[in-house]
Protein backbone atom coordinates (compact mmCIF):
# COMPACT_ATOMS: atom_id res chain seq x y z
CA MET A 1 190.93 38.90 -56.37
CA LEU A 2 187.58 37.85 -57.79
CA ARG A 3 186.25 41.34 -58.51
CA LYS A 4 188.91 41.12 -60.68
CA THR A 5 189.65 37.52 -59.73
CA LEU A 6 187.87 37.22 -60.20
CA THR A 7 189.61 33.93 -68.81
CA ILE A 8 188.66 32.67 -72.71
CA LEU A 9 188.58 31.68 -76.32
CA ILE A 10 190.95 33.38 -78.72
CA CYS A 11 188.86 33.09 -81.87
CA ALA A 12 185.80 34.32 -80.02
CA ALA A 13 187.75 37.22 -78.58
CA PHE A 14 188.76 38.36 -82.06
CA ALA A 15 185.32 37.75 -83.55
CA LEU A 16 183.36 39.47 -80.79
CA SER A 17 185.66 42.41 -80.06
CA LEU A 18 186.23 44.11 -83.44
CA LYS A 19 188.21 47.30 -83.56
CA ALA A 20 186.59 50.04 -85.61
CA ALA A 21 188.44 52.37 -87.93
CA PRO A 22 189.92 55.50 -86.32
CA GLY A 23 187.40 58.21 -85.50
CA ASN A 24 183.80 58.03 -84.38
CA SER A 25 181.18 55.86 -86.05
CA PRO A 26 178.55 57.99 -87.83
CA THR A 27 175.86 56.26 -85.73
CA VAL A 28 177.50 57.24 -82.44
CA PRO A 29 176.85 60.75 -81.09
CA THR A 30 179.96 62.83 -80.49
CA LEU A 31 180.38 63.28 -76.74
CA SER A 32 183.23 64.33 -74.49
CA ALA A 33 184.81 61.88 -72.05
CA LYS A 34 183.16 63.72 -69.15
CA GLU A 35 179.73 63.55 -70.78
CA ILE A 36 180.14 59.80 -71.34
CA VAL A 37 181.15 59.22 -67.74
CA ASP A 38 178.28 61.36 -66.44
CA LYS A 39 175.81 59.33 -68.51
CA ASN A 40 177.40 56.08 -67.32
CA VAL A 41 177.09 57.03 -63.65
CA ALA A 42 173.47 58.12 -64.17
CA ALA A 43 172.64 54.86 -65.99
CA ARG A 44 174.15 52.84 -63.15
CA GLY A 45 171.94 54.51 -60.55
CA GLY A 46 173.36 57.95 -59.95
CA LEU A 47 176.32 59.48 -58.14
CA GLN A 48 174.62 60.00 -54.77
CA ALA A 49 173.23 56.45 -54.75
CA TRP A 50 176.71 55.00 -55.29
CA ARG A 51 178.29 57.30 -52.73
CA ALA A 52 175.82 55.88 -50.21
CA VAL A 53 177.14 52.34 -50.77
CA GLU A 54 179.65 51.49 -48.05
CA THR A 55 179.56 47.70 -48.25
CA MET A 56 178.42 45.04 -50.68
CA THR A 57 178.14 41.24 -50.79
CA LEU A 58 178.19 39.24 -54.02
CA GLU A 59 177.24 35.56 -54.08
CA GLY A 60 177.34 33.18 -56.99
CA LYS A 61 179.47 30.68 -58.85
CA MET A 62 182.84 31.16 -60.45
CA GLY A 63 184.14 29.20 -63.41
CA ALA A 64 187.39 27.32 -62.90
CA GLY A 65 189.19 24.38 -64.43
CA GLY A 66 187.63 24.37 -67.89
CA ASN A 67 190.93 24.84 -69.68
CA GLN A 68 190.55 23.39 -73.15
CA ARG A 69 193.84 24.73 -74.47
CA ALA A 70 195.84 22.33 -76.59
CA THR A 71 198.20 20.40 -74.34
CA LEU A 72 201.91 21.01 -74.71
CA SER A 73 203.68 18.05 -76.30
CA LEU A 74 207.47 18.04 -76.71
CA ARG A 75 209.28 15.41 -78.74
CA ILE A 76 212.39 14.04 -77.03
CA PRO A 77 215.35 13.56 -79.43
CA GLY A 78 215.79 9.93 -80.42
CA THR A 79 212.18 8.95 -79.72
CA GLN A 80 209.28 8.42 -82.11
CA SER A 81 206.61 10.03 -79.98
CA PRO A 82 206.23 12.39 -77.01
CA GLN A 83 207.05 10.81 -73.68
CA GLY A 84 205.08 11.14 -70.47
CA GLY A 85 206.09 13.22 -67.49
CA GLY A 86 206.79 16.90 -67.02
CA LEU A 87 205.90 19.32 -69.81
CA GLU A 88 205.98 16.63 -72.44
CA GLY A 89 203.22 14.58 -70.81
CA VAL A 90 199.95 14.68 -72.72
CA ARG A 91 197.25 15.21 -70.12
CA GLN A 92 193.54 15.55 -70.87
CA ARG A 93 192.12 18.70 -69.33
CA PRO A 94 188.47 18.91 -68.25
CA ALA A 95 186.22 19.84 -71.17
CA GLU A 96 183.70 21.79 -69.11
CA GLU A 97 184.23 24.63 -66.72
CA VAL A 98 183.74 23.71 -63.05
CA GLN A 99 181.41 26.11 -61.21
CA LEU A 100 182.62 26.86 -57.69
CA PRO A 101 180.38 28.66 -55.16
CA PHE A 102 181.83 31.92 -53.84
CA VAL A 103 180.97 34.81 -51.55
CA MET A 104 182.71 38.16 -51.94
CA ASP A 105 182.40 40.89 -49.33
CA LEU A 106 183.50 44.41 -50.24
CA ALA A 107 183.84 47.50 -48.07
CA ARG A 108 185.32 50.95 -48.39
CA PRO A 109 188.14 51.73 -48.62
CA HIS A 110 189.45 48.91 -50.90
CA LYS A 111 188.61 46.05 -48.55
CA ALA A 112 187.73 42.64 -49.94
CA ARG A 113 187.16 39.12 -48.65
CA VAL A 114 186.52 36.16 -50.94
CA GLU A 115 185.47 32.69 -49.83
CA LEU A 116 185.55 29.94 -52.46
CA GLU A 117 184.19 26.44 -51.93
CA PHE A 118 186.24 23.63 -53.46
CA LYS A 119 185.90 19.91 -52.70
CA GLY A 120 184.20 20.57 -49.37
CA GLN A 121 186.83 23.07 -48.23
CA THR A 122 186.82 26.86 -48.12
CA ALA A 123 189.64 28.90 -49.59
CA ILE A 124 189.86 32.47 -48.30
CA GLN A 125 191.47 35.64 -49.62
CA VAL A 126 191.38 38.83 -47.55
CA TYR A 127 192.67 42.31 -48.33
CA ASP A 128 192.18 44.98 -45.66
CA GLY A 129 193.23 47.88 -47.85
CA THR A 130 196.86 47.60 -46.76
CA ASN A 131 197.72 43.93 -46.22
CA GLY A 132 196.54 40.69 -47.79
CA TRP A 133 196.33 37.06 -46.70
CA LYS A 134 195.29 33.76 -48.27
CA LEU A 135 194.29 30.36 -46.94
CA ARG A 136 194.27 27.38 -49.32
CA PRO A 137 193.30 24.18 -47.50
CA PHE A 138 192.54 22.34 -50.76
CA LEU A 139 196.31 22.46 -51.40
CA ASN A 140 196.88 21.14 -47.87
CA ARG A 141 198.13 24.57 -46.84
CA LEU A 142 196.47 24.98 -43.48
CA GLU A 143 198.43 28.05 -42.38
CA VAL A 144 197.57 31.58 -43.39
CA GLU A 145 200.02 32.95 -45.96
CA PRO A 146 200.66 36.61 -46.76
CA TYR A 147 200.12 37.92 -50.25
CA THR A 148 203.12 37.82 -52.53
CA ALA A 149 204.57 41.12 -53.75
CA GLU A 150 202.79 40.63 -57.08
CA GLU A 151 199.47 39.83 -55.37
CA MET A 152 199.82 42.96 -53.22
CA LYS A 153 200.48 45.03 -56.33
CA ILE A 154 197.37 43.66 -58.03
CA ALA A 155 195.18 44.12 -54.94
CA SER A 156 196.31 47.70 -54.45
CA ARG A 157 195.35 48.50 -58.06
CA GLU A 158 191.83 47.10 -57.74
CA SER A 159 189.04 49.63 -58.15
CA GLU A 160 186.78 50.66 -55.31
CA LEU A 161 183.46 48.79 -54.99
CA ASP A 162 181.74 51.44 -57.11
CA GLY A 163 184.05 50.81 -60.07
CA LEU A 164 186.49 52.93 -62.04
CA LEU A 165 184.24 55.71 -63.32
CA VAL A 166 182.20 56.77 -60.27
CA ASP A 167 183.91 59.79 -58.65
CA TYR A 168 186.88 59.27 -60.96
CA ALA A 169 188.26 62.79 -60.45
CA ALA A 170 188.19 62.43 -56.65
CA LYS A 171 190.13 59.17 -57.06
CA GLY A 172 192.84 61.00 -58.99
CA THR A 173 191.94 59.41 -62.33
CA ARG A 174 192.19 61.19 -65.68
CA VAL A 175 189.71 60.06 -68.36
CA GLU A 176 190.10 60.59 -72.11
CA LEU A 177 188.04 59.47 -75.09
CA ASP A 178 190.04 56.99 -77.18
CA GLY A 179 187.60 56.62 -80.08
CA THR A 180 184.74 54.20 -80.67
CA GLU A 181 184.76 50.42 -81.18
CA LYS A 182 182.35 47.57 -81.77
CA VAL A 183 182.00 45.23 -78.79
CA GLU A 184 179.82 42.19 -79.50
CA ASP A 185 178.18 44.07 -82.39
CA ARG A 186 177.38 47.07 -80.20
CA ASP A 187 178.76 50.58 -80.61
CA THR A 188 180.83 51.61 -77.63
CA TYR A 189 182.93 54.53 -76.49
CA LYS A 190 186.46 53.49 -75.61
CA LEU A 191 187.75 55.43 -72.60
CA LYS A 192 191.40 55.64 -71.61
CA LEU A 193 191.88 55.95 -67.85
CA THR A 194 195.16 57.10 -66.31
CA LEU A 195 195.00 56.19 -62.65
CA LYS A 196 196.54 58.10 -59.76
CA SER A 197 199.33 55.52 -59.70
CA GLY A 198 200.17 56.28 -63.32
CA ASP A 199 198.81 52.93 -64.55
CA VAL A 200 196.68 53.08 -67.70
CA THR A 201 193.58 50.98 -68.34
CA HIS A 202 190.56 51.09 -70.64
CA VAL A 203 186.78 50.90 -70.27
CA TRP A 204 184.26 50.43 -73.11
CA VAL A 205 180.87 52.10 -72.50
CA ASP A 206 177.79 51.08 -74.52
CA ALA A 207 176.72 54.00 -76.72
CA LYS A 208 172.99 53.29 -76.12
CA THR A 209 172.70 52.10 -72.53
CA PHE A 210 175.86 53.88 -71.27
CA LEU A 211 176.62 50.85 -69.10
CA GLU A 212 180.07 49.28 -69.17
CA ALA A 213 180.28 46.62 -71.89
CA LYS A 214 183.90 45.64 -71.30
CA VAL A 215 186.87 46.57 -69.13
CA GLU A 216 190.55 45.86 -69.44
CA GLY A 217 191.59 43.24 -66.88
CA GLU A 218 194.81 42.43 -65.07
CA PRO A 219 197.27 40.66 -67.45
CA ARG A 220 197.37 36.88 -66.92
CA ARG A 221 200.65 34.94 -66.88
CA LEU A 222 200.43 31.75 -68.97
CA ASP A 223 203.33 29.62 -70.21
CA GLY A 224 205.77 32.22 -68.90
CA THR A 225 204.14 35.05 -70.88
CA TYR A 226 201.79 37.82 -69.80
CA HIS A 227 198.57 37.86 -71.86
CA PRO A 228 196.15 40.80 -72.13
CA VAL A 229 192.80 40.22 -70.44
CA GLU A 230 189.32 41.57 -71.14
CA VAL A 231 186.27 41.29 -68.89
CA TYR A 232 182.79 41.52 -70.44
CA TYR A 233 179.83 42.73 -68.35
CA ARG A 234 176.40 41.30 -69.16
CA ASP A 235 172.90 40.73 -67.77
CA TYR A 236 172.56 43.98 -65.84
CA ARG A 237 169.89 43.85 -63.12
CA ASN A 238 168.52 46.50 -60.84
CA VAL A 239 169.43 46.04 -57.17
CA ASN A 240 168.18 48.74 -54.81
CA GLY A 241 168.20 51.23 -57.67
CA LEU A 242 171.72 50.31 -58.84
CA GLU A 243 172.52 48.54 -62.11
CA ILE A 244 174.74 45.49 -61.44
CA PRO A 245 176.10 43.06 -64.07
CA PHE A 246 175.20 39.50 -63.05
CA VAL A 247 177.45 37.86 -65.66
CA LEU A 248 181.15 38.64 -65.91
CA GLU A 249 183.06 36.82 -68.62
CA THR A 250 186.85 36.97 -68.62
CA ARG A 251 188.88 36.32 -71.74
CA VAL A 252 192.62 35.88 -72.00
CA LEU A 253 193.79 37.13 -75.39
CA PRO A 254 196.50 35.42 -77.44
CA VAL A 255 200.05 36.49 -78.09
CA ALA A 256 202.07 35.63 -81.19
CA LYS A 257 204.42 33.34 -79.26
CA THR A 258 204.89 32.39 -75.63
CA ALA A 259 208.13 32.74 -73.67
CA LEU A 260 208.82 29.10 -74.59
CA GLY A 261 208.89 30.10 -78.25
CA ILE A 262 205.79 28.13 -79.20
CA ARG A 263 202.62 29.32 -80.87
CA ASP A 264 199.91 30.40 -78.45
CA THR A 265 196.80 28.25 -78.12
CA PRO A 266 193.20 29.25 -77.27
CA VAL A 267 191.94 29.57 -73.72
CA PRO A 268 188.16 29.31 -73.21
CA PRO A 269 186.25 32.08 -71.41
CA GLU A 270 185.73 31.97 -67.65
CA LYS A 271 182.43 33.18 -66.23
CA ALA A 272 181.39 34.46 -62.85
CA LEU A 273 177.61 34.16 -62.44
CA LEU A 274 176.08 36.22 -59.67
CA GLU A 275 173.02 34.84 -57.91
CA LYS A 276 172.57 37.42 -55.14
CA VAL A 277 173.77 40.96 -54.44
CA VAL A 278 173.25 42.69 -51.10
CA ILE A 279 173.83 46.43 -50.75
CA ASN A 280 175.17 47.80 -47.45
CA PRO A 281 175.20 44.60 -45.37
CA LYS A 282 176.59 44.92 -41.85
CA PHE A 283 179.95 43.24 -41.31
CA ASP A 284 181.71 42.29 -38.12
CA ALA A 285 184.80 44.42 -37.48
CA ALA A 286 187.01 41.34 -37.88
CA ARG A 287 185.60 40.42 -41.30
CA PHE A 288 188.59 41.89 -43.12
CA SER A 289 191.22 40.86 -40.58
CA LYS A 290 193.77 38.10 -41.00
CA PRO A 291 191.81 34.80 -41.13
CA ALA A 292 192.41 31.98 -38.64
CA PRO A 293 194.37 28.92 -39.78
CA VAL A 294 192.60 25.64 -40.44
CA ALA A 295 192.82 23.13 -37.60
CA SER A 296 194.70 20.03 -38.74
CA LYS A 297 192.79 16.76 -38.57
CA ALA A 298 193.90 14.24 -36.00
CA LYS A 299 195.44 11.11 -37.49
């Protein structure tokens, strides 16, 4: 999903996310995990303000297709150069990221609907808190398909619309301080979150603003190998008294070698740029129901 679909230059990821030595930086006040979370929630608008949010709509553009990774080129025995076709074909990928318009509707509990415009067609993903469906007409798939088991697992782990830290105890989450780190030259508190499901994730909170600077994303499968993912939050703006990041940059981090046994190559960042946020819009009851299939065009 976009909210977490909602990936990512390797060198930049290492340069901009530097791990500090164990222990707290002398410039960062010593606080408990609870104190950090309390300050984060207050900085984002306050607990009662977030509890009053039942629905939310995000509109903007999502980066896609700007994969500048080195293309895979395999030499076939007995030949002098790589041959075309399959994995060994050398194919030029687009240099720039394509910006696709999207609308994401969120509602409690754990409901999400994403509409993504691509080549004049609308792709749809819907999760009603229990079941998920997808419609991908740009792939000529005009029937509604259910989420795969992996997609269901990811959707069920997504945070509520207020994020991971708001009302964390009520959500069954345990939060611990895991030291301090530099994130884009800023001091941050690194928090370790153990979710009700038992899954563990991390959130980095800016030591000055107490807003989230970075969160750990869902691992991304590339070349047969799962890569760690980080999502950076930037350009916070006030919307109805709530602080919302209008730029979300996703980075896929490198691994030593892929499942194919080759050295990993860089993946440029992917950005989601918000243009409009609406708090508590009214949705039709069917908004998070199974979408209708696309009518096939008459020949």
